[in-house]
C-alpha atoms as a PDB file:
ATOM      1  CA  MET A   1     -85.367 -22.035  46.960  1.00  0.00           C
ATOM      2  CA  ASN A   2     -83.551 -19.577  45.035  1.00  0.00           C
ATOM      3  CA  ARG A   3     -80.015 -18.355  44.903  1.00  0.00           C
ATOM      4  CA  LYS A   4     -80.520 -15.863  47.889  1.00  0.00           C
ATOM      5  CA  ASP A   5     -82.238 -18.653  49.892  1.00  0.00           C
ATOM      6  CA  LEU A   6     -79.514 -20.777  49.241  1.00  0.00           C
ATOM      7  CA  ASP A   7     -77.039 -17.879  50.341  1.00  0.00           C
ATOM      8  CA  ARG A   8     -78.999 -17.299  53.661  1.00  0.00           C
ATOM      9  CA  LEU A   9     -78.873 -20.951  54.353  1.00  0.00           C
ATOM     10  CA  PHE A  10     -75.135 -21.225  53.847  1.00  0.00           C
ATOM     11  CA  THR A  11     -74.808 -17.783  55.949  1.00  0.00           C
ATOM     12  CA  GLN A  12     -76.804 -19.289  58.665  1.00  0.00           C
ATOM     13  CA  GLN A  13     -74.850 -22.438  58.722  1.00  0.00           C
ATOM     14  CA  VAL A  14     -71.676 -20.546  58.985  1.00  0.00           C
ATOM     15  CA  ALA A  15     -73.324 -18.392  61.824  1.00  0.00           C
ATOM     16  CA  GLU A  16     -74.185 -21.028  63.898  1.00  0.00           C
ATOM     17  CA  LEU A  17     -70.714 -22.371  63.746  1.00  0.00           C
ATOM     18  CA  MET A  18     -69.096 -19.341  64.388  1.00  0.00           C
ATOM     19  CA  ASN A  19     -71.523 -18.890  67.499  1.00  0.00           C
ATOM     20  CA  GLN A  20     -70.152 -22.192  68.988  1.00  0.00           C
ATOM     21  CA  GLY A  21     -66.688 -20.709  68.827  1.00  0.00           C
ATOM     22  CA  TYR A  22     -65.532 -21.642  65.249  1.00  0.00           C
ATOM     23  CA  THR A  23     -63.436 -18.933  63.481  1.00  0.00           C
ATOM     24  CA  ILE A  24     -62.637 -18.632  59.817  1.00  0.00           C
ATOM     25  CA  HIS A  25     -59.877 -20.595  58.849  1.00  0.00           C
ATOM     26  CA  THR A  26     -57.784 -18.478  56.379  1.00  0.00           C
ATOM     27  CA  GLY A  27     -55.104 -21.025  55.476  1.00  0.00           C
ATOM     28  CA  THR A  28     -57.281 -23.008  53.019  1.00  0.00           C
ATOM     29  CA  MET A  29     -58.900 -19.962  51.539  1.00  0.00           C
ATOM     30  CA  ALA A  30     -56.421 -18.750  48.893  1.00  0.00           C
ATOM     31  CA  GLY A  31     -57.817 -17.602  45.961  1.00  0.00           C
ATOM     32  CA  SER A  32     -56.705 -17.211  42.245  1.00  0.00           C
ATOM     33  CA  GLN A  33     -55.822 -13.447  42.540  1.00  0.00           C
ATOM     34  CA  GLY A  34     -52.855 -14.068  45.182  1.00  0.00           C
ATOM     35  CA  GLU A  35     -54.819 -13.415  48.383  1.00  0.00           C
ATOM     36  CA  VAL A  36     -54.530 -15.271  51.712  1.00  0.00           C
ATOM     37  CA  ALA A  37     -58.214 -15.636  52.278  1.00  0.00           C
ATOM     38  CA  LYS A  38     -61.349 -14.117  51.246  1.00  0.00           C
ATOM     39  CA  VAL A  39     -65.198 -14.060  52.217  1.00  0.00           C
ATOM     40  CA  ASP A  40     -67.751 -12.573  50.015  1.00  0.00           C
ATOM     41  CA  LEU A  41     -70.883 -11.168  51.997  1.00  0.00           C
ATOM     42  CA  SER A  42     -74.107  -9.916  50.247  1.00  0.00           C
ATOM     43  CA  ARG A  43     -76.975  -7.745  51.136  1.00  0.00           C
ATOM     44  CA  ASP A  44     -79.975  -6.226  48.811  1.00  0.00           C
ATOM     45  CA  GLY A  45     -77.574  -6.427  45.863  1.00  0.00           C
ATOM     46  CA  GLU A  46     -74.667  -5.148  47.439  1.00  0.00           C
ATOM     47  CA  VAL A  47     -71.611  -7.397  47.509  1.00  0.00           C
ATOM     48  CA  LEU A  48     -68.879  -6.641  50.117  1.00  0.00           C
ATOM     49  CA  ARG A  49     -65.402  -8.485  50.099  1.00  0.00           C
ATOM     50  CA  VAL A  50     -63.524  -9.271  53.129  1.00  0.00           C
ATOM     51  CA  LEU A  51     -59.903  -9.849  51.811  1.00  0.00           C
ATOM     52  CA  MET A  52     -56.772 -10.627  53.269  1.00  0.00           C
ATOM     53  CA  THR A  53     -53.503 -10.188  51.196  1.00  0.00           C
ATOM     54  CA  ARG A  54     -49.671 -10.586  51.928  1.00  0.00           C
ATOM     55  CA  THR A  55     -46.942  -8.577  50.354  1.00  0.00           C
ATOM     56  CA  SER A  56     -43.437  -7.954  51.005  1.00  0.00           C
ATOM     57  CA  LEU A  57     -41.998  -4.572  51.285  1.00  0.00           C
ATOM     58  CA  TRP A  58     -38.294  -4.215  51.790  1.00  0.00           C
ATOM     59  CA  GLU A  59     -38.165  -0.694  52.839  1.00  0.00           C
ATOM     60  CA  GLY A  60     -38.238  -0.924  56.689  1.00  0.00           C
ATOM     61  CA  ALA A  61     -40.608  -3.596  57.172  1.00  0.00           C
ATOM     62  CA  TYR A  62     -38.957  -6.762  58.517  1.00  0.00           C
ATOM     63  CA  ASP A  63     -41.030  -9.367  56.824  1.00  0.00           C
ATOM     64  CA  ASP A  64     -44.344  -9.801  55.201  1.00  0.00           C
ATOM     65  CA  ILE A  65     -47.204  -7.055  55.285  1.00  0.00           C
ATOM     66  CA  ILE A  66     -50.652  -8.338  56.146  1.00  0.00           C
ATOM     67  CA  SER A  67     -53.540  -6.378  54.834  1.00  0.00           C
ATOM     68  CA  ILE A  68     -57.069  -6.946  55.803  1.00  0.00           C
ATOM     69  CA  LYS A  69     -59.481  -4.981  53.256  1.00  0.00           C
ATOM     70  CA  VAL A  70     -63.397  -4.740  53.237  1.00  0.00           C
ATOM     71  CA  GLY A  71     -64.258  -3.475  49.747  1.00  0.00           C
ATOM     72  CA  ARG A  72     -67.658  -3.012  47.906  1.00  0.00           C
ATOM     73  CA  ASN A  73     -67.747  -4.609  44.602  1.00  0.00           C
ATOM     74  CA  THR A  74     -68.001  -2.182  41.594  1.00  0.00           C
ATOM     75  CA  ASP A  75     -68.195  -4.721  38.902  1.00  0.00           C
ATOM     76  CA  ARG A  76     -71.472  -6.037  37.565  1.00  0.00           C
ATOM     77  CA  LEU A  77     -71.865  -9.827  38.394  1.00  0.00           C
ATOM     78  CA  GLY A  78     -72.651 -11.754  35.358  1.00  0.00           C
ATOM     79  CA  ARG A  79     -73.243 -15.110  35.711  1.00  0.00           C
ATOM     80  CA  GLU A  80     -75.286 -16.617  38.565  1.00  0.00           C
ATOM     81  CA  TRP A  81     -73.116 -19.348  39.755  1.00  0.00           C
ATOM     82  CA  ASP A  82     -69.326 -18.502  38.900  1.00  0.00           C
ATOM     83  CA  ALA A  83     -69.032 -14.882  38.470  1.00  0.00           C
ATOM     84  CA  THR A  84     -65.552 -13.028  39.441  1.00  0.00           C
ATOM     85  CA  ILE A  85     -65.273 -10.357  41.661  1.00  0.00           C
ATOM     86  CA  TRP A  86     -61.645  -8.855  40.742  1.00  0.00           C
ATOM     87  CA  ASP A  87     -59.892  -7.270  43.850  1.00  0.00           C
ATOM     88  CA  ASN A  88     -58.196  -4.892  42.163  1.00  0.00           C
ATOM     89  CA  ASN A  89     -61.667  -3.204  41.256  1.00  0.00           C
ATOM     90  CA  LEU A  90     -62.937  -3.084  44.816  1.00  0.00           C
ATOM     91  CA  GLU A  91     -63.881   0.063  46.186  1.00  0.00           C
ATOM     92  CA  ILE A  92     -61.979   0.013  49.691  1.00  0.00           C
ATOM     93  CA  LEU A  93     -64.036   0.626  52.492  1.00  0.00           C
ATOM     94  CA  SER A  94     -61.506  -0.048  55.202  1.00  0.00           C
ATOM     95  CA  GLU A  95     -58.057  -1.536  55.830  1.00  0.00           C
ATOM     96  CA  ILE A  96     -56.025  -2.807  58.325  1.00  0.00           C
ATOM     97  CA  LYS A  97     -52.261  -3.244  57.828  1.00  0.00           C
ATOM     98  CA  LEU A  98     -50.017  -5.476  60.125  1.00  0.00           C
ATOM     99  CA  GLY A  99     -46.424  -6.510  60.024  1.00  0.00           C
ATOM    100  CA  LYS A 100     -45.233  -9.826  60.553  1.00  0.00           C
ATOM    101  CA  ILE A 101     -42.596 -10.161  63.084  1.00  0.00           C
ATOM    102  CA  SER A 102     -42.197 -13.767  63.294  1.00  0.00           C
ATOM    103  CA  ARG A 103     -43.584 -16.830  62.219  1.00  0.00           C
ATOM    104  CA  ASP A 104     -47.025 -16.242  64.647  1.00  0.00           C
ATOM    105  CA  TYR A 105     -46.536 -12.735  65.560  1.00  0.00           C
ATOM    106  CA  PHE A 106     -48.137  -9.681  64.024  1.00  0.00           C
ATOM    107  CA  THR A 107     -47.941  -6.013  65.195  1.00  0.00           C
ATOM    108  CA  THR A 108     -48.728  -2.561  63.674  1.00  0.00           C
ATOM    109  CA  LEU A 109     -46.679  -1.052  60.608  1.00  0.00           C
ATOM    110  CA  GLU A 110     -44.969   1.400  62.748  1.00  0.00           C
ATOM    111  CA  GLU A 111     -44.021  -1.129  65.461  1.00  0.00           C
ATOM    112  CA  SER A 112     -42.887  -3.584  63.046  1.00  0.00           C
ATOM    113  CA  ARG A 113     -40.465  -1.073  61.295  1.00  0.00           C
ATOM    114  CA  ARG A 114     -39.259  -0.175  65.014  1.00  0.00           C
ATOM    115  CA  ILE A 115     -38.536  -3.837  65.681  1.00  0.00           C
ATOM    116  CA  ALA A 116     -36.869  -4.255  62.323  1.00  0.00           C
ATOM    117  CA  ASP A 117     -34.575  -1.206  62.800  1.00  0.00           C
ATOM    118  CA  LEU A 118     -33.672  -2.553  66.350  1.00  0.00           C
ATOM    119  CA  ARG A 119     -32.883  -6.055  64.986  1.00  0.00           C
ATOM    120  CA  PHE A 120     -30.651  -4.761  62.255  1.00  0.00           C
ATOM    121  CA  GLN A 121     -28.631  -2.607  64.823  1.00  0.00           C
ATOM    122  CA  ARG A 122     -27.996  -5.358  66.767  1.00  0.00           C
ATOM    123  CA  TRP A 123     -27.205  -7.569  63.861  1.00  0.00           C
ATOM    124  CA  LYS A 124     -24.746  -4.826  62.877  1.00  0.00           C
ATOM    125  CA  THR A 125     -23.130  -4.237  66.313  1.00  0.00           C
ATOM    126  CA  ARG A 126     -22.831  -8.131  66.730  1.00  0.00           C
ATOM    127  CA  HIS A 127     -20.510  -8.267  63.800  1.00  0.00           C
ATOM    128  CA  THR A 128     -18.216  -5.290  64.746  1.00  0.00           C
ATOM    129  CA  ARG A 129     -17.652  -5.602  68.305  1.00  0.00           C
ATOM    130  CA  GLU A 130     -15.007  -8.229  69.156  1.00  0.00           C
ATOM    131  CA  PRO A 131     -15.057  -9.288  72.817  1.00  0.00           C
ATOM    132  CA  GLU A 132     -12.028  -9.213  74.816  1.00  0.00           C
ATOM    133  CA  LEU A 133     -10.160 -12.279  75.648  1.00  0.00           C
ATOM    134  CA  GLY A 134      -8.980 -12.915  79.169  1.00  0.00           C
ATOM    135  CA  ALA A 135      -5.707 -13.359  80.634  1.00  0.00           C
ATOM    136  CA  ALA A 136      -5.313 -17.106  79.895  1.00  0.00           C
ATOM    137  CA  PHE A 137      -5.637 -16.498  76.197  1.00  0.00           C
ATOM    138  CA  LYS A 138      -3.108 -13.530  76.675  1.00  0.00           C
ATOM    139  CA  SER A 139      -0.432 -15.907  78.219  1.00  0.00           C
ATOM    140  CA  ILE A 140      -0.826 -18.217  75.241  1.00  0.00           C
ATOM    141  CA  ALA A 141      -0.335 -15.251  72.597  1.00  0.00           C
ATOM    142  CA  LEU A 142       2.568 -14.164  74.922  1.00  0.00           C
ATOM    143  CA  ARG A 143       4.520 -17.468  73.512  1.00  0.00           C
ATOM    144  CA  TYR A 144       3.867 -16.370  70.011  1.00  0.00           C
ATOM    145  CA  LEU A 145       4.518 -12.905  70.600  1.00  0.00           C
ATOM    146  CA  ARG A 146       8.052 -13.592  71.624  1.00  0.00           C
ATOM    147  CA  LYS A 147       8.846 -15.777  68.401  1.00  0.00           C
ATOM    148  CA  GLN A 148       8.210 -12.346  66.596  1.00  0.00           C
ATOM    149  CA  PRO A 149      10.880 -10.043  65.339  1.00  0.00           C
ATOM    150  CA  LYS A 150      11.771  -7.138  68.122  1.00  0.00           C
ATOM    151  CA  MET A 151       9.238  -8.749  70.556  1.00  0.00           C
ATOM    152  CA  LYS A 152      11.467 -11.057  72.491  1.00  0.00           C
ATOM    153  CA  SER A 153      11.216  -9.224  75.437  1.00  0.00           C
ATOM    154  CA  CYS A 154       7.307  -8.742  75.484  1.00  0.00           C
ATOM    155  CA  THR A 155       5.484  -9.307  78.810  1.00  0.00           C
ATOM    156  CA  LEU A 156       1.863  -9.749  79.701  1.00  0.00           C
ATOM    157  CA  GLY A 157       1.732  -6.269  80.714  1.00  0.00           C
ATOM    158  CA  ASP A 158       2.414  -4.963  77.313  1.00  0.00           C
ATOM    159  CA  ILE A 159      -0.293  -6.996  75.614  1.00  0.00           C
ATOM    160  CA  GLU A 160      -2.777  -4.245  75.013  1.00  0.00           C
ATOM    161  CA  SER A 161      -5.902  -6.370  73.900  1.00  0.00           C
ATOM    162  CA  MET A 162      -6.594  -9.757  72.546  1.00  0.00           C
ATOM    163  CA  THR A 163      -9.872 -10.407  70.401  1.00  0.00           C
ATOM    164  CA  ARG A 164     -11.233 -13.185  68.117  1.00  0.00           C
ATOM    165  CA  ALA A 165     -11.463 -12.149  64.600  1.00  0.00           C
ATOM    166  CA  ARG A 166     -11.713 -13.605  61.344  1.00  0.00           C
ATOM    167  CA  THR A 167      -8.569 -13.620  59.066  1.00  0.00           C
ATOM    168  CA  ARG A 168      -8.698 -12.501  55.440  1.00  0.00           C
ATOM    169  CA  ASP A 169      -9.509 -15.782  53.909  1.00  0.00           C
ATOM    170  CA  GLY A 170     -12.325 -16.129  56.246  1.00  0.00           C
ATOM    171  CA  ARG A 171     -10.794 -18.563  59.099  1.00  0.00           C
ATOM    172  CA  LEU A 172     -11.273 -17.743  62.503  1.00  0.00           C
ATOM    173  CA  GLY A 173      -8.035 -16.188  64.298  1.00  0.00           C
ATOM    174  CA  TYR A 174      -6.923 -14.125  67.054  1.00  0.00           C
ATOM    175  CA  ARG A 175      -5.952 -10.433  66.822  1.00  0.00           C
ATOM    176  CA  ILE A 176      -3.418  -9.322  69.333  1.00  0.00           C
ATOM    177  CA  LYS A 177      -2.209  -5.783  70.030  1.00  0.00           C
ATOM    178  CA  ALA A 178       0.873  -5.265  71.829  1.00  0.00           C
ATOM    179  CA  LYS A 179       3.599  -2.638  71.929  1.00  0.00           C
ATOM    180  CA  GLY A 180       1.796  -0.390  69.457  1.00  0.00           C
ATOM    181  CA  ARG A 181       1.512  -3.234  67.051  1.00  0.00           C
ATOM    182  CA  THR A 182      -1.006  -5.749  65.673  1.00  0.00           C
ATOM    183  CA  TYR A 183      -0.654  -9.285  65.043  1.00  0.00           C
ATOM    184  CA  THR A 184      -3.094 -11.898  63.659  1.00  0.00           C
ATOM    185  CA  LEU A 185      -2.839 -15.398  64.915  1.00  0.00           C
ATOM    186  CA  SER A 186      -4.634 -17.998  62.916  1.00  0.00           C
ATOM    187  CA  ALA A 187      -6.412 -20.755  65.015  1.00  0.00           C
END
């Protein structure tokens, strides 16, 4: 039995298990070149590598970019048992790129960029829009306002708006607009 026979036997065992419903578990196949997983396949002296890599792109993608490539080995394989195929020397035959949206959800790069933009817009508006507080808060604020200079005659109708806001030192407070003036009440 030569090396090709051993490879064929190994492939046969893998194929039998895959026919029984098993799939390749990429979580335990990380290599020494930074890849997530790889499988080398050979036929008639040609070696193909199916390679999964993960990179982080900060220009628009929300999280990691997962790339699944099929590449042909272009290097001469010297040693029989421990030859090295370098990922950066592969002739890429096909490539699929997916964007990671959450822990277990991946989608196309275009869709991941769209989702990233949407999440960013939601994050921006979350911090800029202050919700208006109700009448109960305004009646409590009225007591505070009447203690301020030139505000003794202030009524509930004079209070234009009242919102939660952060003070300059980062503490939670309330922003009150009444009679054209703005007051900040620390909580």
